[in-house]
Amino acid sequence: MRTLKALREKWDAFEADETRLLRAMSIQESMRQLLMLQETYEPQLQQTASLFVSDRRAALAELQARLHRLAEWQAQHAQLVHGDSETPGTLE
């Protein structure tokens, strides 16, 4: 049990360091990391694409639906903020 407790404590410290480092990364650094990972794993992704195509399409459809709901919500709340007589983004 002592070993398990030590392992958990080290894991928590590792996660804290990881979180700190990720938060310190710029957008450019994050994108570089993402592209490096994609380059590394692209061959495996290509080989397994047919296995996951239905899941990816379902996830994309869900994302599109969520973005549509967000756009509707933003439009409704923009009207509440700006009033019904004004259209946001127009100049008089």
Protein backbone atom coordinates (compact mmCIF):
# COMPACT_ATOMS: atom_id res chain seq x y z
CA MET A 1 0.00 0.00 0.00
CA ARG A 2 2.88 2.34 0.72
CA THR A 3 4.15 1.92 -2.85
CA LEU A 4 0.71 2.64 -4.28
CA LYS A 5 0.42 5.80 -2.19
CA ALA A 6 3.86 6.98 -3.33
CA LEU A 7 2.95 6.23 -6.93
CA ARG A 8 -0.27 8.25 -6.63
CA GLU A 9 1.58 11.17 -5.09
CA LYS A 10 4.16 11.13 -7.88
CA TRP A 11 1.40 10.87 -10.47
CA ASP A 12 -0.40 13.87 -8.96
CA ALA A 13 2.85 15.86 -9.07
CA PHE A 14 3.38 14.80 -12.67
CA GLU A 15 -0.14 15.92 -13.64
CA ALA A 16 0.38 19.25 -11.87
CA ASP A 17 3.62 19.81 -13.80
CA GLU A 18 1.94 18.81 -17.05
CA THR A 19 -0.92 21.25 -16.44
CA ARG A 20 1.49 24.06 -15.57
CA LEU A 21 3.56 23.44 -18.72
CA LEU A 22 0.49 23.24 -20.97
CA ARG A 23 -0.86 26.49 -19.61
CA ALA A 24 2.48 28.17 -20.22
CA MET A 25 2.53 27.18 -23.90
CA SER A 26 1.65 29.74 -26.51
CA ILE A 27 -0.90 29.01 -29.22
CA GLN A 28 1.94 28.61 -31.70
CA GLU A 29 3.74 26.11 -29.45
CA SER A 30 0.52 24.18 -28.95
CA MET A 31 -0.08 24.02 -32.69
CA ARG A 32 3.50 22.83 -33.27
CA GLN A 33 2.96 20.05 -30.74
CA LEU A 34 -0.33 19.07 -32.35
CA LEU A 35 1.22 18.97 -35.82
CA MET A 36 4.17 16.91 -34.55
CA LEU A 37 1.77 14.40 -33.02
CA GLN A 38 -0.29 14.28 -36.19
CA GLU A 39 2.83 13.70 -38.28
CA THR A 40 3.91 10.90 -35.95
CA TYR A 41 0.55 9.13 -35.85
CA GLU A 42 -0.79 9.92 -39.33
CA PRO A 43 0.20 6.52 -40.82
CA GLN A 44 -1.71 4.70 -38.07
CA LEU A 45 -4.66 7.03 -38.47
CA GLN A 46 -4.74 6.37 -42.20
CA GLN A 47 -4.58 2.59 -41.67
CA THR A 48 -7.43 2.59 -39.16
CA ALA A 49 -9.60 5.29 -40.78
CA SER A 50 -12.13 2.78 -42.11
CA LEU A 51 -12.64 1.37 -38.59
CA PHE A 52 -13.62 4.73 -37.14
CA VAL A 53 -15.31 6.52 -40.05
CA SER A 54 -18.83 6.17 -38.62
CA ASP A 55 -17.72 7.44 -35.20
CA ARG A 56 -15.96 10.41 -36.79
CA ARG A 57 -19.00 11.28 -38.89
CA ALA A 58 -21.25 11.06 -35.84
CA ALA A 59 -18.87 13.29 -33.86
CA LEU A 60 -18.77 15.80 -36.72
CA ALA A 61 -22.58 15.86 -36.94
CA GLU A 62 -22.79 16.43 -33.18
CA LEU A 63 -20.21 19.23 -33.38
CA GLN A 64 -22.13 20.91 -36.21
CA ALA A 65 -25.37 20.67 -34.23
CA ARG A 66 -23.71 22.16 -31.15
CA LEU A 67 -22.21 25.01 -33.18
CA HIS A 68 -25.63 25.69 -34.71
CA ARG A 69 -27.22 25.84 -31.24
CA LEU A 70 -24.43 28.16 -30.08
CA ALA A 71 -25.00 30.49 -33.04
CA GLU A 72 -28.73 30.57 -32.30
CA TRP A 73 -28.07 31.30 -28.63
CA GLN A 74 -25.63 34.09 -29.53
CA ALA A 75 -28.16 35.63 -31.93
CA GLN A 76 -30.92 35.53 -29.30
CA HIS A 77 -28.73 37.05 -26.62
CA ALA A 78 -27.37 39.71 -28.94
CA GLN A 79 -30.96 40.85 -29.49
CA LEU A 80 -31.51 41.03 -25.74
CA VAL A 81 -28.35 43.09 -25.25
CA HIS A 82 -28.83 45.40 -28.23
CA GLY A 83 -32.62 45.57 -28.20
CA ASP A 84 -35.04 44.61 -30.95
CA SER A 85 -34.75 47.96 -32.80
CA GLU A 86 -31.00 47.63 -33.40
CA THR A 87 -29.26 44.99 -35.43
CA PRO A 88 -25.83 44.17 -34.02
CA GLY A 89 -22.98 45.29 -36.22
CA THR A 90 -24.88 47.93 -38.19
CA LEU A 91 -23.95 51.59 -38.25
CA GLU A 92 -26.42 54.43 -38.48
